[in-house]
Amino acid sequence: LKGDEVRALLQGQEHELMRTVRAAYEA
């Protein structure tokens, strides 16, 4: 996965990213 592909996959996903990071912290 190249940088432009990663950026596109994460575009507009801020709330989902925060949920993912919180779950990682808790694990």
mmCIF file of all heavy atoms, coordinates in Angstrom:
data_MODEL
# 
_entry.id   MODEL 
# 
loop_
_atom_site.group_PDB 
_atom_site.id 
_atom_site.type_symbol 
_atom_site.label_atom_id 
_atom_site.label_alt_id 
_atom_site.label_comp_id 
_atom_site.label_asym_id 
_atom_site.label_entity_id 
_atom_site.label_seq_id 
_atom_site.pdbx_PDB_ins_code 
_atom_site.Cartn_x 
_atom_site.Cartn_y 
_atom_site.Cartn_z 
_atom_site.occupancy 
_atom_site.B_iso_or_equiv 
_atom_site.pdbx_formal_charge 
_atom_site.auth_seq_id 
_atom_site.auth_comp_id 
_atom_site.auth_asym_id 
_atom_site.auth_atom_id 
_atom_site.pdbx_PDB_model_num 
ATOM 1   N N   . LEU A 1 1  ? 0.841   -1.193 0.000  1.00 0.00 ? 1  LEU A N   1 
ATOM 2   C CA  . LEU A 1 1  ? 0.000   0.000  0.000  1.00 0.00 ? 1  LEU A CA  1 
ATOM 3   C C   . LEU A 1 1  ? 0.882   1.252  0.000  1.00 0.00 ? 1  LEU A C   1 
ATOM 4   O O   . LEU A 1 1  ? 1.677   1.457  0.914  1.00 0.00 ? 1  LEU A O   1 
ATOM 5   C CB  . LEU A 1 1  ? -0.927  0.006  1.220  1.00 0.00 ? 1  LEU A CB  1 
ATOM 6   C CG  . LEU A 1 1  ? -2.040  -1.040 1.207  1.00 0.00 ? 1  LEU A CG  1 
ATOM 7   C CD1 . LEU A 1 1  ? -2.736  -1.107 2.553  1.00 0.00 ? 1  LEU A CD1 1 
ATOM 8   C CD2 . LEU A 1 1  ? -3.050  -0.732 0.101  1.00 0.00 ? 1  LEU A CD2 1 
ATOM 9   N N   . LYS A 1 2  ? 0.706   2.070  -1.037 1.00 0.00 ? 2  LYS A N   1 
ATOM 10  C CA  . LYS A 1 2  ? 1.480   3.304  -1.182 1.00 0.00 ? 2  LYS A CA  1 
ATOM 11  C C   . LYS A 1 2  ? 0.839   4.427  -0.372 1.00 0.00 ? 2  LYS A C   1 
ATOM 12  O O   . LYS A 1 2  ? -0.303  4.333  0.075  1.00 0.00 ? 2  LYS A O   1 
ATOM 13  C CB  . LYS A 1 2  ? 1.564   3.699  -2.657 1.00 0.00 ? 2  LYS A CB  1 
ATOM 14  C CG  . LYS A 1 2  ? 2.229   2.653  -3.547 1.00 0.00 ? 2  LYS A CG  1 
ATOM 15  C CD  . LYS A 1 2  ? 2.320   3.143  -4.992 1.00 0.00 ? 2  LYS A CD  1 
ATOM 16  C CE  . LYS A 1 2  ? 0.946   3.320  -5.608 1.00 0.00 ? 2  LYS A CE  1 
ATOM 17  N NZ  . LYS A 1 2  ? 1.031   3.681  -7.051 1.00 0.00 ? 2  LYS A NZ  1 
ATOM 18  N N   . GLY A 1 3  ? 1.611   5.527  -0.217 1.00 0.00 ? 3  GLY A N   1 
ATOM 19  C CA  . GLY A 1 3  ? 1.144   6.644  0.588  1.00 0.00 ? 3  GLY A CA  1 
ATOM 20  C C   . GLY A 1 3  ? -0.177  7.214  0.122  1.00 0.00 ? 3  GLY A C   1 
ATOM 21  O O   . GLY A 1 3  ? -1.078  7.470  0.935  1.00 0.00 ? 3  GLY A O   1 
ATOM 22  N N   . ASP A 1 4  ? -0.342  7.439  -1.175 1.00 0.00 ? 4  ASP A N   1 
ATOM 23  C CA  . ASP A 1 4  ? -1.596  8.011  -1.677 1.00 0.00 ? 4  ASP A CA  1 
ATOM 24  C C   . ASP A 1 4  ? -2.772  7.080  -1.406 1.00 0.00 ? 4  ASP A C   1 
ATOM 25  O O   . ASP A 1 4  ? -3.898  7.548  -1.150 1.00 0.00 ? 4  ASP A O   1 
ATOM 26  C CB  . ASP A 1 4  ? -1.485  8.295  -3.171 1.00 0.00 ? 4  ASP A CB  1 
ATOM 27  C CG  . ASP A 1 4  ? -0.584  9.480  -3.472 1.00 0.00 ? 4  ASP A CG  1 
ATOM 28  O OD1 . ASP A 1 4  ? -0.266  10.236 -2.534 1.00 0.00 ? 4  ASP A OD1 1 
ATOM 29  O OD2 . ASP A 1 4  ? -0.200  9.647  -4.644 1.00 0.00 ? 4  ASP A OD2 1 
ATOM 30  N N   . GLU A 1 5  ? -2.526  5.774  -1.466 1.00 0.00 ? 5  GLU A N   1 
ATOM 31  C CA  . GLU A 1 5  ? -3.589  4.810  -1.187 1.00 0.00 ? 5  GLU A CA  1 
ATOM 32  C C   . GLU A 1 5  ? -3.966  4.827  0.287  1.00 0.00 ? 5  GLU A C   1 
ATOM 33  O O   . GLU A 1 5  ? -5.156  4.779  0.644  1.00 0.00 ? 5  GLU A O   1 
ATOM 34  C CB  . GLU A 1 5  ? -3.146  3.417  -1.622 1.00 0.00 ? 5  GLU A CB  1 
ATOM 35  C CG  . GLU A 1 5  ? -2.976  3.295  -3.133 1.00 0.00 ? 5  GLU A CG  1 
ATOM 36  C CD  . GLU A 1 5  ? -2.211  2.062  -3.567 1.00 0.00 ? 5  GLU A CD  1 
ATOM 37  O OE1 . GLU A 1 5  ? -1.407  1.535  -2.761 1.00 0.00 ? 5  GLU A OE1 1 
ATOM 38  O OE2 . GLU A 1 5  ? -2.403  1.629  -4.722 1.00 0.00 ? 5  GLU A OE2 1 
ATOM 39  N N   . VAL A 1 6  ? -2.962  4.912  1.158  1.00 0.00 ? 6  VAL A N   1 
ATOM 40  C CA  . VAL A 1 6  ? -3.235  4.982  2.596  1.00 0.00 ? 6  VAL A CA  1 
ATOM 41  C C   . VAL A 1 6  ? -4.024  6.246  2.918  1.00 0.00 ? 6  VAL A C   1 
ATOM 42  O O   . VAL A 1 6  ? -5.009  6.214  3.662  1.00 0.00 ? 6  VAL A O   1 
ATOM 43  C CB  . VAL A 1 6  ? -1.917  4.950  3.395  1.00 0.00 ? 6  VAL A CB  1 
ATOM 44  C CG1 . VAL A 1 6  ? -2.170  5.209  4.874  1.00 0.00 ? 6  VAL A CG1 1 
ATOM 45  C CG2 . VAL A 1 6  ? -1.212  3.619  3.206  1.00 0.00 ? 6  VAL A CG2 1 
ATOM 46  N N   . ARG A 1 7  ? -3.603  7.367  2.338  1.00 0.00 ? 7  ARG A N   1 
ATOM 47  C CA  . ARG A 1 7  ? -4.297  8.636  2.600  1.00 0.00 ? 7  ARG A CA  1 
ATOM 48  C C   . ARG A 1 7  ? -5.757  8.557  2.162  1.00 0.00 ? 7  ARG A C   1 
ATOM 49  O O   . ARG A 1 7  ? -6.663  9.007  2.887  1.00 0.00 ? 7  ARG A O   1 
ATOM 50  C CB  . ARG A 1 7  ? -3.584  9.775  1.875  1.00 0.00 ? 7  ARG A CB  1 
ATOM 51  C CG  . ARG A 1 7  ? -4.218  11.142 2.134  1.00 0.00 ? 7  ARG A CG  1 
ATOM 52  C CD  . ARG A 1 7  ? -3.471  12.266 1.438  1.00 0.00 ? 7  ARG A CD  1 
ATOM 53  N NE  . ARG A 1 7  ? -2.198  12.531 2.097  1.00 0.00 ? 7  ARG A NE  1 
ATOM 54  C CZ  . ARG A 1 7  ? -1.023  12.235 1.580  1.00 0.00 ? 7  ARG A CZ  1 
ATOM 55  N NH1 . ARG A 1 7  ? -0.934  11.623 0.392  1.00 0.00 ? 7  ARG A NH1 1 
ATOM 56  N NH2 . ARG A 1 7  ? 0.086   12.526 2.220  1.00 0.00 ? 7  ARG A NH2 1 
ATOM 57  N N   . ALA A 1 8  ? -6.007  7.979  1.007  1.00 0.00 ? 8  ALA A N   1 
ATOM 58  C CA  . ALA A 1 8  ? -7.380  7.878  0.518  1.00 0.00 ? 8  ALA A CA  1 
ATOM 59  C C   . ALA A 1 8  ? -8.221  6.968  1.407  1.00 0.00 ? 8  ALA A C   1 
ATOM 60  O O   . ALA A 1 8  ? -9.395  7.257  1.676  1.00 0.00 ? 8  ALA A O   1 
ATOM 61  C CB  . ALA A 1 8  ? -7.385  7.365  -0.923 1.00 0.00 ? 8  ALA A CB  1 
ATOM 62  N N   . LEU A 1 9  ? -7.649  5.876  1.874  1.00 0.00 ? 9  LEU A N   1 
ATOM 63  C CA  . LEU A 1 9  ? -8.387  4.950  2.729  1.00 0.00 ? 9  LEU A CA  1 
ATOM 64  C C   . LEU A 1 9  ? -8.746  5.562  4.075  1.00 0.00 ? 9  LEU A C   1 
ATOM 65  O O   . LEU A 1 9  ? -9.736  5.166  4.704  1.00 0.00 ? 9  LEU A O   1 
ATOM 66  C CB  . LEU A 1 9  ? -7.566  3.672  2.939  1.00 0.00 ? 9  LEU A CB  1 
ATOM 67  C CG  . LEU A 1 9  ? -7.444  2.756  1.726  1.00 0.00 ? 9  LEU A CG  1 
ATOM 68  C CD1 . LEU A 1 9  ? -6.326  1.743  1.928  1.00 0.00 ? 9  LEU A CD1 1 
ATOM 69  C CD2 . LEU A 1 9  ? -8.766  2.048  1.451  1.00 0.00 ? 9  LEU A CD2 1 
ATOM 70  N N   . LEU A 1 10 ? -7.955  6.525  4.539  1.00 0.00 ? 10 LEU A N   1 
ATOM 71  C CA  . LEU A 1 10 ? -8.192  7.143  5.846  1.00 0.00 ? 10 LEU A CA  1 
ATOM 72  C C   . LEU A 1 10 ? -8.889  8.491  5.753  1.00 0.00 ? 10 LEU A C   1 
ATOM 73  O O   . LEU A 1 10 ? -9.186  9.095  6.789  1.00 0.00 ? 10 LEU A O   1 
ATOM 74  C CB  . LEU A 1 10 ? -6.855  7.309  6.592  1.00 0.00 ? 10 LEU A CB  1 
ATOM 75  C CG  . LEU A 1 10 ? -6.174  6.005  7.010  1.00 0.00 ? 10 LEU A CG  1 
ATOM 76  C CD1 . LEU A 1 10 ? -4.854  6.296  7.708  1.00 0.00 ? 10 LEU A CD1 1 
ATOM 77  C CD2 . LEU A 1 10 ? -7.078  5.173  7.909  1.00 0.00 ? 10 LEU A CD2 1 
ATOM 78  N N   . GLN A 1 11 ? -9.171  8.948  4.552  1.00 0.00 ? 11 GLN A N   1 
ATOM 79  C CA  . GLN A 1 11 ? -9.817  10.257 4.396  1.00 0.00 ? 11 GLN A CA  1 
ATOM 80  C C   . GLN A 1 11 ? -11.178 10.279 5.082  1.00 0.00 ? 11 GLN A C   1 
ATOM 81  O O   . GLN A 1 11 ? -12.023 9.406  4.863  1.00 0.00 ? 11 GLN A O   1 
ATOM 82  C CB  . GLN A 1 11 ? -9.977  10.593 2.919  1.00 0.00 ? 11 GLN A CB  1 
ATOM 83  C CG  . GLN A 1 11 ? -10.523 11.990 2.663  1.00 0.00 ? 11 GLN A CG  1 
ATOM 84  C CD  . GLN A 1 11 ? -10.542 12.340 1.194  1.00 0.00 ? 11 GLN A CD  1 
ATOM 85  O OE1 . GLN A 1 11 ? -10.103 11.559 0.350  1.00 0.00 ? 11 GLN A OE1 1 
ATOM 86  N NE2 . GLN A 1 11 ? -11.049 13.509 0.852  1.00 0.00 ? 11 GLN A NE2 1 
ATOM 87  N N   . GLY A 1 12 ? -11.388 11.272 5.923  1.00 0.00 ? 12 GLY A N   1 
ATOM 88  C CA  . GLY A 1 12 ? -12.669 11.433 6.609  1.00 0.00 ? 12 GLY A CA  1 
ATOM 89  C C   . GLY A 1 12 ? -12.943 10.416 7.692  1.00 0.00 ? 12 GLY A C   1 
ATOM 90  O O   . GLY A 1 12 ? -14.078 10.325 8.188  1.00 0.00 ? 12 GLY A O   1 
ATOM 91  N N   . GLN A 1 13 ? -11.937 9.683  8.118  1.00 0.00 ? 13 GLN A N   1 
ATOM 92  C CA  . GLN A 1 13 ? -12.127 8.609  9.094  1.00 0.00 ? 13 GLN A CA  1 
ATOM 93  C C   . GLN A 1 13 ? -11.657 9.004  10.501 1.00 0.00 ? 13 GLN A C   1 
ATOM 94  O O   . GLN A 1 13 ? -11.309 8.151  11.300 1.00 0.00 ? 13 GLN A O   1 
ATOM 95  C CB  . GLN A 1 13 ? -11.362 7.367  8.640  1.00 0.00 ? 13 GLN A CB  1 
ATOM 96  C CG  . GLN A 1 13 ? -11.826 6.785  7.326  1.00 0.00 ? 13 GLN A CG  1 
ATOM 97  C CD  . GLN A 1 13 ? -13.275 6.347  7.387  1.00 0.00 ? 13 GLN A CD  1 
ATOM 98  O OE1 . GLN A 1 13 ? -13.686 5.632  8.306  1.00 0.00 ? 13 GLN A OE1 1 
ATOM 99  N NE2 . GLN A 1 13 ? -14.058 6.760  6.401  1.00 0.00 ? 13 GLN A NE2 1 
ATOM 100 N N   . GLU A 1 14 ? -11.684 10.288 10.822 1.00 0.00 ? 14 GLU A N   1 
ATOM 101 C CA  . GLU A 1 14 ? -11.127 10.737 12.099 1.00 0.00 ? 14 GLU A CA  1 
ATOM 102 C C   . GLU A 1 14 ? -11.811 10.078 13.299 1.00 0.00 ? 14 GLU A C   1 
ATOM 103 O O   . GLU A 1 14 ? -11.135 9.634  14.242 1.00 0.00 ? 14 GLU A O   1 
ATOM 104 C CB  . GLU A 1 14 ? -11.216 12.262 12.212 1.00 0.00 ? 14 GLU A CB  1 
ATOM 105 C CG  . GLU A 1 14 ? -10.223 13.003 11.332 1.00 0.00 ? 14 GLU A CG  1 
ATOM 106 C CD  . GLU A 1 14 ? -10.672 13.101 9.880  1.00 0.00 ? 14 GLU A CD  1 
ATOM 107 O OE1 . GLU A 1 14 ? -11.889 12.925 9.623  1.00 0.00 ? 14 GLU A OE1 1 
ATOM 108 O OE2 . GLU A 1 14 ? -9.814  13.341 9.001  1.00 0.00 ? 14 GLU A OE2 1 
ATOM 109 N N   . HIS A 1 15 ? -13.110 10.010 13.302 1.00 0.00 ? 15 HIS A N   1 
ATOM 110 C CA  . HIS A 1 15 ? -13.800 9.417  14.458 1.00 0.00 ? 15 HIS A CA  1 
ATOM 111 C C   . HIS A 1 15 ? -13.502 7.921  14.576 1.00 0.00 ? 15 HIS A C   1 
ATOM 112 O O   . HIS A 1 15 ? -13.295 7.404  15.682 1.00 0.00 ? 15 HIS A O   1 
ATOM 113 C CB  . HIS A 1 15 ? -15.307 9.680  14.374 1.00 0.00 ? 15 HIS A CB  1 
ATOM 114 C CG  . HIS A 1 15 ? -15.686 11.111 14.609 1.00 0.00 ? 15 HIS A CG  1 
ATOM 115 N ND1 . HIS A 1 15 ? -15.565 11.722 15.844 1.00 0.00 ? 15 HIS A ND1 1 
ATOM 116 C CD2 . HIS A 1 15 ? -16.163 12.061 13.762 1.00 0.00 ? 15 HIS A CD2 1 
ATOM 117 C CE1 . HIS A 1 15 ? -15.967 12.988 15.757 1.00 0.00 ? 15 HIS A CE1 1 
ATOM 118 N NE2 . HIS A 1 15 ? -16.329 13.205 14.502 1.00 0.00 ? 15 HIS A NE2 1 
ATOM 119 N N   . GLU A 1 16 ? -13.472 7.224  13.443 1.00 0.00 ? 16 GLU A N   1 
ATOM 120 C CA  . GLU A 1 16 ? -13.137 5.799  13.473 1.00 0.00 ? 16 GLU A CA  1 
ATOM 121 C C   . GLU A 1 16 ? -11.692 5.598  13.920 1.00 0.00 ? 16 GLU A C   1 
ATOM 122 O O   . GLU A 1 16 ? -11.381 4.659  14.672 1.00 0.00 ? 16 GLU A O   1 
ATOM 123 C CB  . GLU A 1 16 ? -13.355 5.185  12.093 1.00 0.00 ? 16 GLU A CB  1 
ATOM 124 C CG  . GLU A 1 16 ? -13.064 3.691  12.022 1.00 0.00 ? 16 GLU A CG  1 
ATOM 125 C CD  . GLU A 1 16 ? -13.951 2.873  12.934 1.00 0.00 ? 16 GLU A CD  1 
ATOM 126 O OE1 . GLU A 1 16 ? -15.087 3.323  13.252 1.00 0.00 ? 16 GLU A OE1 1 
ATOM 127 O OE2 . GLU A 1 16 ? -13.511 1.775  13.353 1.00 0.00 ? 16 GLU A OE2 1 
ATOM 128 N N   . LEU A 1 17 ? -10.802 6.472  13.504 1.00 0.00 ? 17 LEU A N   1 
ATOM 129 C CA  . LEU A 1 17 ? -9.408  6.382  13.939 1.00 0.00 ? 17 LEU A CA  1 
ATOM 130 C C   . LEU A 1 17 ? -9.295  6.595  15.448 1.00 0.00 ? 17 LEU A C   1 
ATOM 131 O O   . LEU A 1 17 ? -8.531  5.897  16.122 1.00 0.00 ? 17 LEU A O   1 
ATOM 132 C CB  . LEU A 1 17 ? -8.560  7.414  13.194 1.00 0.00 ? 17 LEU A CB  1 
ATOM 133 C CG  . LEU A 1 17 ? -8.153  7.011  11.775 1.00 0.00 ? 17 LEU A CG  1 
ATOM 134 C CD1 . LEU A 1 17 ? -7.756  8.233  10.956 1.00 0.00 ? 17 LEU A CD1 1 
ATOM 135 C CD2 . LEU A 1 17 ? -7.020  6.011  11.804 1.00 0.00 ? 17 LEU A CD2 1 
ATOM 136 N N   . MET A 1 18 ? -10.035 7.538  15.986 1.00 0.00 ? 18 MET A N   1 
ATOM 137 C CA  . MET A 1 18 ? -9.995  7.753  17.435 1.00 0.00 ? 18 MET A CA  1 
ATOM 138 C C   . MET A 1 18 ? -10.542 6.546  18.191 1.00 0.00 ? 18 MET A C   1 
ATOM 139 O O   . MET A 1 18 ? -9.999  6.157  19.233 1.00 0.00 ? 18 MET A O   1 
ATOM 140 C CB  . MET A 1 18 ? -10.749 9.035  17.799 1.00 0.00 ? 18 MET A CB  1 
ATOM 141 C CG  . MET A 1 18 ? -9.976  10.303 17.463 1.00 0.00 ? 18 MET A CG  1 
ATOM 142 S SD  . MET A 1 18 ? -10.763 11.831 18.060 1.00 0.00 ? 18 MET A SD  1 
ATOM 143 C CE  . MET A 1 18 ? -11.992 12.085 16.772 1.00 0.00 ? 18 MET A CE  1 
ATOM 144 N N   . ARG A 1 19 ? -11.591 5.946  17.660 1.00 0.00 ? 19 ARG A N   1 
ATOM 145 C CA  . ARG A 1 19 ? -12.109 4.730  18.310 1.00 0.00 ? 19 ARG A CA  1 
ATOM 146 C C   . ARG A 1 19 ? -11.077 3.606  18.246 1.00 0.00 ? 19 ARG A C   1 
ATOM 147 O O   . ARG A 1 19 ? -10.897 2.849  19.223 1.00 0.00 ? 19 ARG A O   1 
ATOM 148 C CB  . ARG A 1 19 ? -13.417 4.296  17.626 1.00 0.00 ? 19 ARG A CB  1 
ATOM 149 C CG  . ARG A 1 19 ? -14.618 5.152  17.987 1.00 0.00 ? 19 ARG A CG  1 
ATOM 150 C CD  . ARG A 1 19 ? -15.906 4.538  17.501 1.00 0.00 ? 19 ARG A CD  1 
ATOM 151 N NE  . ARG A 1 19 ? -16.036 4.606  16.051 1.00 0.00 ? 19 ARG A NE  1 
ATOM 152 C CZ  . ARG A 1 19 ? -16.623 5.617  15.399 1.00 0.00 ? 19 ARG A CZ  1 
ATOM 153 N NH1 . ARG A 1 19 ? -17.115 6.638  16.076 1.00 0.00 ? 19 ARG A NH1 1 
ATOM 154 N NH2 . ARG A 1 19 ? -16.721 5.613  14.079 1.00 0.00 ? 19 ARG A NH2 1 
ATOM 155 N N   . THR A 1 20 ? -10.398 3.486  17.124 1.00 0.00 ? 20 THR A N   1 
ATOM 156 C CA  . THR A 1 20 ? -9.392  2.438  16.956 1.00 0.00 ? 20 THR A CA  1 
ATOM 157 C C   . THR A 1 20 ? -8.221  2.654  17.912 1.00 0.00 ? 20 THR A C   1 
ATOM 158 O O   . THR A 1 20 ? -7.742  1.714  18.567 1.00 0.00 ? 20 THR A O   1 
ATOM 159 C CB  . THR A 1 20 ? -8.893  2.417  15.506 1.00 0.00 ? 20 THR A CB  1 
ATOM 160 O OG1 . THR A 1 20 ? -9.994  2.091  14.640 1.00 0.00 ? 20 THR A OG1 1 
ATOM 161 C CG2 . THR A 1 20 ? -7.783  1.398  15.308 1.00 0.00 ? 20 THR A CG2 1 
ATOM 162 N N   . VAL A 1 21 ? -7.736  3.891  18.008 1.00 0.00 ? 21 VAL A N   1 
ATOM 163 C CA  . VAL A 1 21 ? -6.614  4.195  18.893 1.00 0.00 ? 21 VAL A CA  1 
ATOM 164 C C   . VAL A 1 21 ? -7.011  3.977  20.353 1.00 0.00 ? 21 VAL A C   1 
ATOM 165 O O   . VAL A 1 21 ? -6.229  3.428  21.147 1.00 0.00 ? 21 VAL A O   1 
ATOM 166 C CB  . VAL A 1 21 ? -6.126  5.629  18.643 1.00 0.00 ? 21 VAL A CB  1 
ATOM 167 C CG1 . VAL A 1 21 ? -5.195  6.112  19.751 1.00 0.00 ? 21 VAL A CG1 1 
ATOM 168 C CG2 . VAL A 1 21 ? -5.414  5.699  17.294 1.00 0.00 ? 21 VAL A CG2 1 
ATOM 169 N N   . ARG A 1 22 ? -8.211  4.371  20.722 1.00 0.00 ? 22 ARG A N   1 
ATOM 170 C CA  . ARG A 1 22 ? -8.658  4.135  22.099 1.00 0.00 ? 22 ARG A CA  1 
ATOM 171 C C   . ARG A 1 22 ? -8.704  2.638  22.398 1.00 0.00 ? 22 ARG A C   1 
ATOM 172 O O   . ARG A 1 22 ? -8.267  2.185  23.465 1.00 0.00 ? 22 ARG A O   1 
ATOM 173 C CB  . ARG A 1 22 ? -10.016 4.766  22.342 1.00 0.00 ? 22 ARG A CB  1 
ATOM 174 C CG  . ARG A 1 22 ? -10.583 4.423  23.715 1.00 0.00 ? 22 ARG A CG  1 
ATOM 175 C CD  . ARG A 1 22 ? -11.792 5.224  24.099 1.00 0.00 ? 22 ARG A CD  1 
ATOM 176 N NE  . ARG A 1 22 ? -12.286 4.782  25.395 1.00 0.00 ? 22 ARG A NE  1 
ATOM 177 C CZ  . ARG A 1 22 ? -13.080 5.494  26.179 1.00 0.00 ? 22 ARG A CZ  1 
ATOM 178 N NH1 . ARG A 1 22 ? -13.480 6.691  25.801 1.00 0.00 ? 22 ARG A NH1 1 
ATOM 179 N NH2 . ARG A 1 22 ? -13.492 5.012  27.342 1.00 0.00 ? 22 ARG A NH2 1 
ATOM 180 N N   . ALA A 1 23 ? -9.238  1.853  21.472 1.00 0.00 ? 23 ALA A N   1 
ATOM 181 C CA  . ALA A 1 23 ? -9.295  0.404  21.682 1.00 0.00 ? 23 ALA A CA  1 
ATOM 182 C C   . ALA A 1 23 ? -7.896  -0.189 21.822 1.00 0.00 ? 23 ALA A C   1 
ATOM 183 O O   . ALA A 1 23 ? -7.670  -1.111 22.623 1.00 0.00 ? 23 ALA A O   1 
ATOM 184 C CB  . ALA A 1 23 ? -10.043 -0.263 20.527 1.00 0.00 ? 23 ALA A CB  1 
ATOM 185 N N   . ALA A 1 24 ? -6.937  0.332  21.061 1.00 0.00 ? 24 ALA A N   1 
ATOM 186 C CA  . ALA A 1 24 ? -5.558  -0.149 21.169 1.00 0.00 ? 24 ALA A CA  1 
ATOM 187 C C   . ALA A 1 24 ? -4.977  0.184  22.537 1.00 0.00 ? 24 ALA A C   1 
ATOM 188 O O   . ALA A 1 24 ? -4.297  -0.636 23.160 1.00 0.00 ? 24 ALA A O   1 
ATOM 189 C CB  . ALA A 1 24 ? -4.708  0.456  20.053 1.00 0.00 ? 24 ALA A CB  1 
ATOM 190 N N   . TYR A 1 25 ? -5.201  1.411  23.004 1.00 0.00 ? 25 TYR A N   1 
ATOM 191 C CA  . TYR A 1 25 ? -4.742  1.792  24.340 1.00 0.00 ? 25 TYR A CA  1 
ATOM 192 C C   . TYR A 1 25 ? -5.323  0.861  25.407 1.00 0.00 ? 25 TYR A C   1 
ATOM 193 O O   . TYR A 1 25 ? -4.632  0.427  26.333 1.00 0.00 ? 25 TYR A O   1 
ATOM 194 C CB  . TYR A 1 25 ? -5.163  3.224  24.651 1.00 0.00 ? 25 TYR A CB  1 
ATOM 195 C CG  . TYR A 1 25 ? -4.189  4.290  24.218 1.00 0.00 ? 25 TYR A CG  1 
ATOM 196 C CD1 . TYR A 1 25 ? -4.652  5.456  23.585 1.00 0.00 ? 25 TYR A CD1 1 
ATOM 197 C CD2 . TYR A 1 25 ? -2.823  4.182  24.458 1.00 0.00 ? 25 TYR A CD2 1 
ATOM 198 C CE1 . TYR A 1 25 ? -3.770  6.460  23.198 1.00 0.00 ? 25 TYR A CE1 1 
ATOM 199 C CE2 . TYR A 1 25 ? -1.940  5.177  24.077 1.00 0.00 ? 25 TYR A CE2 1 
ATOM 200 C CZ  . TYR A 1 25 ? -2.417  6.317  23.450 1.00 0.00 ? 25 TYR A CZ  1 
ATOM 201 O OH  . TYR A 1 25 ? -1.541  7.308  23.080 1.00 0.00 ? 25 TYR A OH  1 
ATOM 202 N N   . GLU A 1 26 ? -6.599  0.572  25.290 1.00 0.00 ? 26 GLU A N   1 
ATOM 203 C CA  . GLU A 1 26 ? -7.259  -0.253 26.302 1.00 0.00 ? 26 GLU A CA  1 
ATOM 204 C C   . GLU A 1 26 ? -6.765  -1.688 26.257 1.00 0.00 ? 26 GLU A C   1 
ATOM 205 O O   . GLU A 1 26 ? -6.589  -2.334 27.293 1.00 0.00 ? 26 GLU A O   1 
ATOM 206 C CB  . GLU A 1 26 ? -8.775  -0.166 26.128 1.00 0.00 ? 26 GLU A CB  1 
ATOM 207 C CG  . GLU A 1 26 ? -9.322  1.219  26.472 1.00 0.00 ? 26 GLU A CG  1 
ATOM 208 C CD  . GLU A 1 26 ? -10.810 1.358  26.212 1.00 0.00 ? 26 GLU A CD  1 
ATOM 209 O OE1 . GLU A 1 26 ? -11.385 0.472  25.531 1.00 0.00 ? 26 GLU A OE1 1 
ATOM 210 O OE2 . GLU A 1 26 ? -11.413 2.353  26.670 1.00 0.00 ? 26 GLU A OE2 1 
ATOM 211 N N   . ALA A 1 27 ? -6.524  -2.222 25.049 1.00 0.00 ? 27 ALA A N   1 
ATOM 212 C CA  . ALA A 1 27 ? -5.965  -3.566 24.939 1.00 0.00 ? 27 ALA A CA  1 
ATOM 213 C C   . ALA A 1 27 ? -4.571  -3.626 25.550 1.00 0.00 ? 27 ALA A C   1 
ATOM 214 O O   . ALA A 1 27 ? -4.214  -4.579 26.255 1.00 0.00 ? 27 ALA A O   1 
ATOM 215 C CB  . ALA A 1 27 ? -5.927  -4.001 23.475 1.00 0.00 ? 27 ALA A CB  1 
# 
